């Protein structure tokens, strides 16, 4: 006898994460976790995204005591600097000026929390990206066309932002969009969640 599955909840208001999760063709609910995403002093990018993904899932668990809850967060590291969402055009210009001609790492934290059993899985999936050398006109044209102000690193690899790159290396390219689907499916299977 197959036990009924717990409901699936995405602890995010991101349309990009929602679109990726929808690829699984299973019902889910989205909830905005509304947490403080400020990094702590001395916290590495990996520690930051793991902590925030975990906090997002736990915040939503307060409302859903018997569910499989998915939390995710993403930042970019350029050398020792951690970049998150730019929020506006001026900051996005500065971010892309820093990233031009460099190899950077997008760190995507992922958490799956079973709020009924309290089982917790947390991981960080890196994707290495090499940006082309970018001039100011290219950056402005790109930003005005795509307006990626809600994206870590000020670009969307799934859109026009791909034109800014020389190379991408990683185990799971969906991590670059904000939700590492290969690792997520592994975590869901660990929770006995039925996937095709």
C-alpha atoms as a PDB file:
ATOM      1  CA  UNK A   1       0.000   0.000   0.000  1.00  0.00           C
ATOM      2  CA  UNK A   2       1.386   3.430  -0.981  1.00  0.00           C
ATOM      3  CA  UNK A   3       1.246   5.976   1.797  1.00  0.00           C
ATOM      4  CA  UNK A   4      -0.074   9.415   0.848  1.00  0.00           C
ATOM      5  CA  UNK A   5       2.701  11.916   0.201  1.00  0.00           C
ATOM      6  CA  UNK A   6       3.151  14.990   2.318  1.00  0.00           C
ATOM      7  CA  UNK A   7       2.394  18.256   0.507  1.00  0.00           C
ATOM      8  CA  UNK A   8       5.340  19.950  -1.188  1.00  0.00           C
ATOM      9  CA  UNK A   9       6.043  23.607  -0.313  1.00  0.00           C
ATOM     10  CA  UNK A  10       8.610  25.874  -1.960  1.00  0.00           C
ATOM     11  CA  UNK A  11       9.861  28.439   0.562  1.00  0.00           C
ATOM     12  CA  UNK A  12      10.418  31.113  -2.068  1.00  0.00           C
ATOM     13  CA  UNK A  13       8.716  33.882  -3.987  1.00  0.00           C
ATOM     14  CA  UNK A  14      11.225  33.517  -6.854  1.00  0.00           C
ATOM     15  CA  UNK A  15       9.544  32.992 -10.240  1.00  0.00           C
ATOM     16  CA  UNK A  16      12.763  31.276 -11.411  1.00  0.00           C
ATOM     17  CA  UNK A  17      12.671  28.644  -8.654  1.00  0.00           C
ATOM     18  CA  UNK A  18       8.949  28.195  -9.139  1.00  0.00           C
ATOM     19  CA  UNK A  19       9.484  27.578 -12.864  1.00  0.00           C
ATOM     20  CA  UNK A  20      12.186  25.000 -12.207  1.00  0.00           C
ATOM     21  CA  UNK A  21      10.130  23.103  -9.628  1.00  0.00           C
ATOM     22  CA  UNK A  22       7.141  23.109 -12.003  1.00  0.00           C
ATOM     23  CA  UNK A  23       9.224  20.967 -14.393  1.00  0.00           C
ATOM     24  CA  UNK A  24       8.590  17.989 -12.088  1.00  0.00           C
ATOM     25  CA  UNK A  25       4.881  18.208 -12.913  1.00  0.00           C
ATOM     26  CA  UNK A  26       3.821  17.609  -9.311  1.00  0.00           C
ATOM     27  CA  UNK A  27       1.602  19.897  -7.236  1.00  0.00           C
ATOM     28  CA  UNK A  28       3.294  22.324  -4.857  1.00  0.00           C
ATOM     29  CA  UNK A  29       2.609  25.544  -2.985  1.00  0.00           C
ATOM     30  CA  UNK A  30       4.840  28.639  -2.834  1.00  0.00           C
ATOM     31  CA  UNK A  31       5.284  30.667   0.337  1.00  0.00           C
ATOM     32  CA  UNK A  32       7.477  33.734   0.848  1.00  0.00           C
ATOM     33  CA  UNK A  33       9.660  33.054   3.906  1.00  0.00           C
ATOM     34  CA  UNK A  34      10.489  36.756   4.415  1.00  0.00           C
ATOM     35  CA  UNK A  35      13.745  36.368   6.359  1.00  0.00           C
ATOM     36  CA  UNK A  36      16.736  38.646   6.889  1.00  0.00           C
ATOM     37  CA  UNK A  37      19.292  37.567   4.268  1.00  0.00           C
ATOM     38  CA  UNK A  38      22.231  39.561   5.664  1.00  0.00           C
ATOM     39  CA  UNK A  39      25.466  37.628   5.984  1.00  0.00           C
ATOM     40  CA  UNK A  40      27.250  37.233   9.314  1.00  0.00           C
ATOM     41  CA  UNK A  41      30.783  38.483   9.943  1.00  0.00           C
ATOM     42  CA  UNK A  42      33.295  35.873   8.818  1.00  0.00           C
ATOM     43  CA  UNK A  43      30.623  33.674   7.219  1.00  0.00           C
ATOM     44  CA  UNK A  44      31.717  32.002   3.977  1.00  0.00           C
ATOM     45  CA  UNK A  45      29.486  31.989   0.901  1.00  0.00           C
ATOM     46  CA  UNK A  46      28.791  28.274   1.412  1.00  0.00           C
ATOM     47  CA  UNK A  47      27.882  28.778   5.070  1.00  0.00           C
ATOM     48  CA  UNK A  48      25.674  31.755   4.177  1.00  0.00           C
ATOM     49  CA  UNK A  49      23.582  30.013   1.525  1.00  0.00           C
ATOM     50  CA  UNK A  50      23.225  26.829   3.601  1.00  0.00           C
ATOM     51  CA  UNK A  51      22.071  28.854   6.615  1.00  0.00           C
ATOM     52  CA  UNK A  52      19.614  30.951   4.614  1.00  0.00           C
ATOM     53  CA  UNK A  53      18.144  27.935   2.775  1.00  0.00           C
ATOM     54  CA  UNK A  54      17.670  26.240   6.155  1.00  0.00           C
ATOM     55  CA  UNK A  55      16.131  29.364   7.740  1.00  0.00           C
ATOM     56  CA  UNK A  56      13.707  29.778   4.837  1.00  0.00           C
ATOM     57  CA  UNK A  57      12.505  26.185   5.165  1.00  0.00           C
ATOM     58  CA  UNK A  58      12.181  26.436   8.947  1.00  0.00           C
ATOM     59  CA  UNK A  59      10.228  29.694   8.696  1.00  0.00           C
ATOM     60  CA  UNK A  60       7.662  28.038   6.417  1.00  0.00           C
ATOM     61  CA  UNK A  61       7.554  24.934   8.662  1.00  0.00           C
ATOM     62  CA  UNK A  62       5.889  27.144  11.287  1.00  0.00           C
ATOM     63  CA  UNK A  63       2.861  27.308   8.963  1.00  0.00           C
ATOM     64  CA  UNK A  64       3.148  23.758   7.536  1.00  0.00           C
ATOM     65  CA  UNK A  65       3.786  21.247  10.358  1.00  0.00           C
ATOM     66  CA  UNK A  66       3.430  18.216   8.050  1.00  0.00           C
ATOM     67  CA  UNK A  67       5.021  18.979   4.671  1.00  0.00           C
ATOM     68  CA  UNK A  68       8.162  18.598   2.583  1.00  0.00           C
ATOM     69  CA  UNK A  69       9.581  22.116   2.481  1.00  0.00           C
ATOM     70  CA  UNK A  70      12.240  23.305   0.024  1.00  0.00           C
ATOM     71  CA  UNK A  71      14.437  26.286   0.829  1.00  0.00           C
ATOM     72  CA  UNK A  72      17.129  27.737  -1.442  1.00  0.00           C
ATOM     73  CA  UNK A  73      19.454  30.715  -1.588  1.00  0.00           C
ATOM     74  CA  UNK A  74      22.199  31.886  -3.927  1.00  0.00           C
ATOM     75  CA  UNK A  75      25.204  34.201  -3.915  1.00  0.00           C
ATOM     76  CA  UNK A  76      28.206  34.723  -6.181  1.00  0.00           C
ATOM     77  CA  UNK A  77      31.822  34.895  -5.072  1.00  0.00           C
ATOM     78  CA  UNK A  78      34.274  36.976  -7.049  1.00  0.00           C
ATOM     79  CA  UNK A  79      37.553  36.355  -5.255  1.00  0.00           C
ATOM     80  CA  UNK A  80      36.778  36.953  -1.578  1.00  0.00           C
ATOM     81  CA  UNK A  81      33.778  39.215  -2.277  1.00  0.00           C
ATOM     82  CA  UNK A  82      30.239  37.869  -1.909  1.00  0.00           C
ATOM     83  CA  UNK A  83      27.660  39.359  -4.293  1.00  0.00           C
ATOM     84  CA  UNK A  84      23.910  38.840  -3.961  1.00  0.00           C
ATOM     85  CA  UNK A  85      20.935  40.432  -5.740  1.00  0.00           C
ATOM     86  CA  UNK A  86      21.780  43.938  -6.974  1.00  0.00           C
ATOM     87  CA  UNK A  87      18.293  45.388  -6.470  1.00  0.00           C
ATOM     88  CA  UNK A  88      18.822  48.274  -8.917  1.00  0.00           C
ATOM     89  CA  UNK A  89      20.498  49.310 -12.169  1.00  0.00           C
ATOM     90  CA  UNK A  90      23.454  51.171 -10.619  1.00  0.00           C
ATOM     91  CA  UNK A  91      24.447  48.241  -8.393  1.00  0.00           C
ATOM     92  CA  UNK A  92      23.980  45.817 -11.284  1.00  0.00           C
ATOM     93  CA  UNK A  93      26.404  47.858 -13.417  1.00  0.00           C
ATOM     94  CA  UNK A  94      29.012  47.704 -10.624  1.00  0.00           C
ATOM     95  CA  UNK A  95      28.520  43.947 -10.193  1.00  0.00           C
ATOM     96  CA  UNK A  96      28.924  43.176 -13.893  1.00  0.00           C
ATOM     97  CA  UNK A  97      31.961  45.460 -14.110  1.00  0.00           C
ATOM     98  CA  UNK A  98      33.527  43.378 -11.313  1.00  0.00           C
ATOM     99  CA  UNK A  99      32.570  40.079 -12.975  1.00  0.00           C
ATOM    100  CA  UNK A 100      33.730  40.951 -16.506  1.00  0.00           C
ATOM    101  CA  UNK A 101      36.763  38.890 -17.552  1.00  0.00           C
ATOM    102  CA  UNK A 102      36.694  36.839 -14.339  1.00  0.00           C
ATOM    103  CA  UNK A 103      35.870  33.299 -13.296  1.00  0.00           C
ATOM    104  CA  UNK A 104      33.411  33.339 -10.403  1.00  0.00           C
ATOM    105  CA  UNK A 105      31.446  30.761  -8.447  1.00  0.00           C
ATOM    106  CA  UNK A 106      27.687  30.749  -7.989  1.00  0.00           C
ATOM    107  CA  UNK A 107      26.893  29.000  -4.690  1.00  0.00           C
ATOM    108  CA  UNK A 108      23.343  27.698  -4.375  1.00  0.00           C
ATOM    109  CA  UNK A 109      22.233  26.514  -0.955  1.00  0.00           C
ATOM    110  CA  UNK A 110      19.492  23.889  -0.886  1.00  0.00           C
ATOM    111  CA  UNK A 111      17.466  22.592   2.042  1.00  0.00           C
ATOM    112  CA  UNK A 112      14.759  19.944   2.184  1.00  0.00           C
ATOM    113  CA  UNK A 113      12.950  19.788   5.512  1.00  0.00           C
ATOM    114  CA  UNK A 114      10.338  17.198   6.430  1.00  0.00           C
ATOM    115  CA  UNK A 115       8.408  19.216   8.987  1.00  0.00           C
ATOM    116  CA  UNK A 116       6.545  16.097  10.220  1.00  0.00           C
ATOM    117  CA  UNK A 117       9.642  13.974  10.986  1.00  0.00           C
ATOM    118  CA  UNK A 118      12.033  16.964  11.373  1.00  0.00           C
ATOM    119  CA  UNK A 119      14.458  15.259   8.988  1.00  0.00           C
ATOM    120  CA  UNK A 120      16.715  17.937   7.477  1.00  0.00           C
ATOM    121  CA  UNK A 121      18.953  17.796   4.414  1.00  0.00           C
ATOM    122  CA  UNK A 122      21.148  20.769   3.528  1.00  0.00           C
ATOM    123  CA  UNK A 123      23.708  21.147   0.743  1.00  0.00           C
ATOM    124  CA  UNK A 124      25.549  23.753  -1.324  1.00  0.00           C
ATOM    125  CA  UNK A 125      25.922  23.242  -5.073  1.00  0.00           C
ATOM    126  CA  UNK A 126      28.606  25.312  -6.845  1.00  0.00           C
ATOM    127  CA  UNK A 127      28.697  26.325 -10.507  1.00  0.00           C
ATOM    128  CA  UNK A 128      31.813  27.971 -11.935  1.00  0.00           C
ATOM    129  CA  UNK A 129      31.185  30.687 -14.551  1.00  0.00           C
ATOM    130  CA  UNK A 130      33.690  32.596 -16.683  1.00  0.00           C
ATOM    131  CA  UNK A 131      32.461  35.990 -17.881  1.00  0.00           C
ATOM    132  CA  UNK A 132      33.727  37.587 -21.056  1.00  0.00           C
ATOM    133  CA  UNK A 133      35.484  40.929 -20.813  1.00  0.00           C
ATOM    134  CA  UNK A 134      32.537  43.358 -20.822  1.00  0.00           C
ATOM    135  CA  UNK A 135      32.465  47.007 -21.778  1.00  0.00           C
ATOM    136  CA  UNK A 136      30.081  49.548 -20.279  1.00  0.00           C
ATOM    137  CA  UNK A 137      27.875  49.721 -23.391  1.00  0.00           C
ATOM    138  CA  UNK A 138      27.392  45.924 -23.405  1.00  0.00           C
ATOM    139  CA  UNK A 139      26.555  45.928 -19.715  1.00  0.00           C
ATOM    140  CA  UNK A 140      24.014  48.740 -20.108  1.00  0.00           C
ATOM    141  CA  UNK A 141      22.370  47.136 -23.155  1.00  0.00           C
ATOM    142  CA  UNK A 142      22.099  43.836 -21.337  1.00  0.00           C
ATOM    143  CA  UNK A 143      20.675  45.319 -18.136  1.00  0.00           C
ATOM    144  CA  UNK A 144      18.112  47.429 -19.992  1.00  0.00           C
ATOM    145  CA  UNK A 145      17.021  44.405 -22.037  1.00  0.00           C
ATOM    146  CA  UNK A 146      16.717  41.875 -19.211  1.00  0.00           C
ATOM    147  CA  UNK A 147      16.543  43.873 -15.938  1.00  0.00           C
ATOM    148  CA  UNK A 148      18.039  41.061 -13.796  1.00  0.00           C
ATOM    149  CA  UNK A 149      17.970  43.126 -10.604  1.00  0.00           C
ATOM    150  CA  UNK A 150      16.493  40.228  -8.600  1.00  0.00           C
ATOM    151  CA  UNK A 151      19.266  37.802  -9.623  1.00  0.00           C
ATOM    152  CA  UNK A 152      22.548  37.131  -7.818  1.00  0.00           C
ATOM    153  CA  UNK A 153      25.370  38.483  -9.941  1.00  0.00           C
ATOM    154  CA  UNK A 154      23.029  40.633 -12.072  1.00  0.00           C
ATOM    155  CA  UNK A 155      22.445  38.153 -14.869  1.00  0.00           C
ATOM    156  CA  UNK A 156      20.175  35.310 -16.029  1.00  0.00           C
ATOM    157  CA  UNK A 157      21.938  32.364 -17.635  1.00  0.00           C
ATOM    158  CA  UNK A 158      18.603  31.056 -18.909  1.00  0.00           C
ATOM    159  CA  UNK A 159      18.011  34.270 -20.854  1.00  0.00           C
ATOM    160  CA  UNK A 160      19.997  36.908 -22.702  1.00  0.00           C
ATOM    161  CA  UNK A 161      22.658  36.751 -19.968  1.00  0.00           C
ATOM    162  CA  UNK A 162      24.205  33.719 -21.648  1.00  0.00           C
ATOM    163  CA  UNK A 163      25.763  36.179 -24.123  1.00  0.00           C
ATOM    164  CA  UNK A 164      27.963  37.534 -21.316  1.00  0.00           C
ATOM    165  CA  UNK A 165      29.725  34.211 -20.718  1.00  0.00           C
ATOM    166  CA  UNK A 166      32.731  32.332 -22.031  1.00  0.00           C
ATOM    167  CA  UNK A 167      32.240  29.106 -20.057  1.00  0.00           C
ATOM    168  CA  UNK A 168      30.133  27.286 -17.441  1.00  0.00           C
ATOM    169  CA  UNK A 169      31.305  24.316 -15.358  1.00  0.00           C
ATOM    170  CA  UNK A 170      29.193  22.407 -12.878  1.00  0.00           C
ATOM    171  CA  UNK A 171      27.374  19.229 -11.953  1.00  0.00           C
ATOM    172  CA  UNK A 172      23.899  20.758 -12.275  1.00  0.00           C
ATOM    173  CA  UNK A 173      23.246  23.774 -14.508  1.00  0.00           C
ATOM    174  CA  UNK A 174      19.845  24.396 -12.917  1.00  0.00           C
ATOM    175  CA  UNK A 175      21.783  25.444  -9.793  1.00  0.00           C
ATOM    176  CA  UNK A 176      22.830  28.520 -11.764  1.00  0.00           C
ATOM    177  CA  UNK A 177      19.148  29.489 -12.109  1.00  0.00           C
ATOM    178  CA  UNK A 178      18.619  29.079  -8.362  1.00  0.00           C
ATOM    179  CA  UNK A 179      17.292  25.565  -7.678  1.00  0.00           C
ATOM    180  CA  UNK A 180      19.634  22.582  -8.219  1.00  0.00           C
ATOM    181  CA  UNK A 181      17.145  20.073  -9.614  1.00  0.00           C
ATOM    182  CA  UNK A 182      19.407  16.997  -9.694  1.00  0.00           C
ATOM    183  CA  UNK A 183      20.308  17.349  -6.011  1.00  0.00           C
ATOM    184  CA  UNK A 184      16.737  18.312  -5.131  1.00  0.00           C
ATOM    185  CA  UNK A 185      15.393  15.109  -6.708  1.00  0.00           C
ATOM    186  CA  UNK A 186      17.933  13.077  -4.702  1.00  0.00           C
ATOM    187  CA  UNK A 187      16.756  14.771  -1.503  1.00  0.00           C
ATOM    188  CA  UNK A 188      13.083  14.240  -2.341  1.00  0.00           C
ATOM    189  CA  UNK A 189      13.701  10.553  -3.032  1.00  0.00           C
ATOM    190  CA  UNK A 190      15.447  10.344   0.354  1.00  0.00           C
ATOM    191  CA  UNK A 191      12.137  11.540   1.830  1.00  0.00           C
ATOM    192  CA  UNK A 192      10.351   8.747  -0.111  1.00  0.00           C
ATOM    193  CA  UNK A 193       8.738  11.373  -2.330  1.00  0.00           C
ATOM    194  CA  UNK A 194       7.523   9.650  -5.487  1.00  0.00           C
ATOM    195  CA  UNK A 195       9.114  10.989  -8.664  1.00  0.00           C
ATOM    196  CA  UNK A 196       8.846   9.450 -12.147  1.00  0.00           C
END
